[in-house]
C-alpha atoms as a PDB file:
ATOM      1  CA  UNK A   1     134.008 113.099  85.703  1.00  0.00           C
ATOM      2  CA  UNK A   2     130.045 113.661  86.116  1.00  0.00           C
ATOM      3  CA  UNK A   3     127.407 114.928  83.330  1.00  0.00           C
ATOM      4  CA  UNK A   4     125.794 118.021  84.175  1.00  0.00           C
ATOM      5  CA  UNK A   5     122.368 118.436  82.640  1.00  0.00           C
ATOM      6  CA  UNK A   6     120.509 121.369  82.285  1.00  0.00           C
ATOM      7  CA  UNK A   7     116.730 121.448  81.383  1.00  0.00           C
ATOM      8  CA  UNK A   8     117.240 121.523  77.711  1.00  0.00           C
ATOM      9  CA  UNK A   9     120.133 119.226  77.432  1.00  0.00           C
ATOM     10  CA  UNK A  10     118.311 116.065  79.470  1.00  0.00           C
ATOM     11  CA  UNK A  11     117.508 113.211  77.048  1.00  0.00           C
ATOM     12  CA  UNK A  12     113.740 112.983  76.322  1.00  0.00           C
ATOM     13  CA  UNK A  13     112.007 110.554  77.762  1.00  0.00           C
ATOM     14  CA  UNK A  14     108.811 108.529  76.478  1.00  0.00           C
ATOM     15  CA  UNK A  15     105.472 109.178  78.314  1.00  0.00           C
ATOM     16  CA  UNK A  16     104.530 106.552  80.939  1.00  0.00           C
ATOM     17  CA  UNK A  17     102.131 103.888  79.402  1.00  0.00           C
ATOM     18  CA  UNK A  18      99.760 102.938  81.779  1.00  0.00           C
ATOM     19  CA  UNK A  19      98.149  99.478  81.417  1.00  0.00           C
ATOM     20  CA  UNK A  20      94.882  98.441  82.751  1.00  0.00           C
ATOM     21  CA  UNK A  21      94.544  96.431  85.832  1.00  0.00           C
ATOM     22  CA  UNK A  22      91.827  93.870  86.101  1.00  0.00           C
ATOM     23  CA  UNK A  23      90.130  93.803  89.434  1.00  0.00           C
ATOM     24  CA  UNK A  24      91.171  90.440  89.920  1.00  0.00           C
ATOM     25  CA  UNK A  25      94.816  91.037  89.632  1.00  0.00           C
ATOM     26  CA  UNK A  26      94.388  94.056  92.038  1.00  0.00           C
ATOM     27  CA  UNK A  27      92.743  91.960  95.093  1.00  0.00           C
ATOM     28  CA  UNK A  28      95.418  91.373  97.510  1.00  0.00           C
ATOM     29  CA  UNK A  29      98.490  93.267  95.500  1.00  0.00           C
ATOM     30  CA  UNK A  30     100.158  95.869  95.440  1.00  0.00           C
ATOM     31  CA  UNK A  31     100.719  98.474  92.402  1.00  0.00           C
ATOM     32  CA  UNK A  32     104.173  99.705  91.797  1.00  0.00           C
ATOM     33  CA  UNK A  33     103.988 102.564  89.032  1.00  0.00           C
ATOM     34  CA  UNK A  34     106.563 102.715  85.901  1.00  0.00           C
ATOM     35  CA  UNK A  35     109.828 104.649  86.954  1.00  0.00           C
ATOM     36  CA  UNK A  36     109.265 104.169  90.943  1.00  0.00           C
ATOM     37  CA  UNK A  37     111.538 102.146  93.217  1.00  0.00           C
ATOM     38  CA  UNK A  38     110.432 100.331  96.209  1.00  0.00           C
ATOM     39  CA  UNK A  39     112.717  99.134  99.064  1.00  0.00           C
ATOM     40  CA  UNK A  40     111.065  95.772 100.983  1.00  0.00           C
ATOM     41  CA  UNK A  41     112.435  94.473 104.297  1.00  0.00           C
ATOM     42  CA  UNK A  42     111.456  91.324 105.338  1.00  0.00           C
ATOM     43  CA  UNK A  43     110.708  90.887 109.112  1.00  0.00           C
ATOM     44  CA  UNK A  44     109.521  87.244 108.390  1.00  0.00           C
ATOM     45  CA  UNK A  45     110.452  85.065 105.435  1.00  0.00           C
ATOM     46  CA  UNK A  46     108.244  86.171 102.758  1.00  0.00           C
ATOM     47  CA  UNK A  47     107.646  85.781  99.067  1.00  0.00           C
ATOM     48  CA  UNK A  48     107.188  88.399  96.890  1.00  0.00           C
ATOM     49  CA  UNK A  49     104.755  87.490  93.754  1.00  0.00           C
ATOM     50  CA  UNK A  50     104.579  89.222  90.577  1.00  0.00           C
ATOM     51  CA  UNK A  51     100.853  89.235  89.087  1.00  0.00           C
ATOM     52  CA  UNK A  52     101.556  91.526  86.558  1.00  0.00           C
ATOM     53  CA  UNK A  53     104.065  93.282  84.733  1.00  0.00           C
ATOM     54  CA  UNK A  54     107.684  92.496  85.077  1.00  0.00           C
ATOM     55  CA  UNK A  55     110.000  93.860  87.993  1.00  0.00           C
ATOM     56  CA  UNK A  56     113.857  94.182  88.495  1.00  0.00           C
ATOM     57  CA  UNK A  57     114.774  93.008  92.029  1.00  0.00           C
ATOM     58  CA  UNK A  58     118.088  93.584  93.254  1.00  0.00           C
ATOM     59  CA  UNK A  59     118.900  91.467  96.394  1.00  0.00           C
ATOM     60  CA  UNK A  60     121.391  92.902  99.180  1.00  0.00           C
ATOM     61  CA  UNK A  61     124.811  91.243  99.687  1.00  0.00           C
ATOM     62  CA  UNK A  62     124.862  88.768 102.727  1.00  0.00           C
ATOM     63  CA  UNK A  63     127.736  86.655 104.097  1.00  0.00           C
ATOM     64  CA  UNK A  64     126.437  83.871 102.103  1.00  0.00           C
ATOM     65  CA  UNK A  65     125.942  85.518  98.519  1.00  0.00           C
ATOM     66  CA  UNK A  66     126.855  88.731  96.803  1.00  0.00           C
ATOM     67  CA  UNK A  67     124.545  91.256  95.680  1.00  0.00           C
ATOM     68  CA  UNK A  68     122.275  90.072  92.785  1.00  0.00           C
ATOM     69  CA  UNK A  69     119.872  91.337  90.223  1.00  0.00           C
ATOM     70  CA  UNK A  70     116.699  89.179  88.795  1.00  0.00           C
ATOM     71  CA  UNK A  71     113.966  89.800  86.500  1.00  0.00           C
ATOM     72  CA  UNK A  72     110.682  88.094  87.701  1.00  0.00           C
ATOM     73  CA  UNK A  73     107.394  87.801  85.147  1.00  0.00           C
ATOM     74  CA  UNK A  74     104.001  87.361  86.081  1.00  0.00           C
ATOM     75  CA  UNK A  75     103.291  84.325  88.040  1.00  0.00           C
ATOM     76  CA  UNK A  76     107.098  84.175  89.036  1.00  0.00           C
ATOM     77  CA  UNK A  77     107.912  84.375  92.835  1.00  0.00           C
ATOM     78  CA  UNK A  78     111.058  85.266  95.042  1.00  0.00           C
ATOM     79  CA  UNK A  79     111.263  83.855  98.378  1.00  0.00           C
ATOM     80  CA  UNK A  80     113.353  86.261 100.664  1.00  0.00           C
ATOM     81  CA  UNK A  81     114.769  85.247 103.955  1.00  0.00           C
ATOM     82  CA  UNK A  82     113.916  87.311 107.714  1.00  0.00           C
ATOM     83  CA  UNK A  83     116.234  90.380 107.786  1.00  0.00           C
ATOM     84  CA  UNK A  84     116.756  90.337 104.256  1.00  0.00           C
ATOM     85  CA  UNK A  85     116.195  93.551 101.847  1.00  0.00           C
ATOM     86  CA  UNK A  86     115.328  93.736  98.161  1.00  0.00           C
ATOM     87  CA  UNK A  87     114.887  96.809  95.885  1.00  0.00           C
ATOM     88  CA  UNK A  88     112.467  96.890  92.891  1.00  0.00           C
ATOM     89  CA  UNK A  89     111.224  98.364  90.194  1.00  0.00           C
ATOM     90  CA  UNK A  90     109.284  97.725  86.853  1.00  0.00           C
ATOM     91  CA  UNK A  91     111.030  96.321  84.310  1.00  0.00           C
ATOM     92  CA  UNK A  92     109.110  98.592  81.513  1.00  0.00           C
ATOM     93  CA  UNK A  93     106.995 101.582  81.304  1.00  0.00           C
ATOM     94  CA  UNK A  94     103.949  99.461  82.336  1.00  0.00           C
ATOM     95  CA  UNK A  95     104.339  99.458  86.012  1.00  0.00           C
ATOM     96  CA  UNK A  96     103.841  96.035  88.003  1.00  0.00           C
ATOM     97  CA  UNK A  97     101.585  94.670  90.481  1.00  0.00           C
ATOM     98  CA  UNK A  98     102.918  92.184  93.213  1.00  0.00           C
ATOM     99  CA  UNK A  99     102.036  90.708  96.455  1.00  0.00           C
ATOM    100  CA  UNK A 100     104.292  90.312  99.193  1.00  0.00           C
ATOM    101  CA  UNK A 101     103.411  87.282 101.538  1.00  0.00           C
ATOM    102  CA  UNK A 102     104.353  85.560 104.675  1.00  0.00           C
ATOM    103  CA  UNK A 103     106.243  82.449 103.645  1.00  0.00           C
ATOM    104  CA  UNK A 104     104.631  80.162 105.939  1.00  0.00           C
ATOM    105  CA  UNK A 105     100.950  80.776 104.616  1.00  0.00           C
END
């Protein structure tokens, strides 16, 4: 059975908090706003690097492993194989900043 929400019965949501992103973090990086998800598919082996905030990443299942959820913090990275797809979203209400680079670089 699924729940039906009317505008008056929707759960209240705290307003998104915006964190200032220093210019050095923004250079060569992408911003992912709170409450938004992003799907990335690697055309070649790639590396997702978190620069600010934390992200929740879900990897698609493959022949070698099942679907997997990972939380990455600033300074952490995840290597993504060619053809692999990930979905990521900020872990909290602050958003996140990340880079997506060729693994060979």
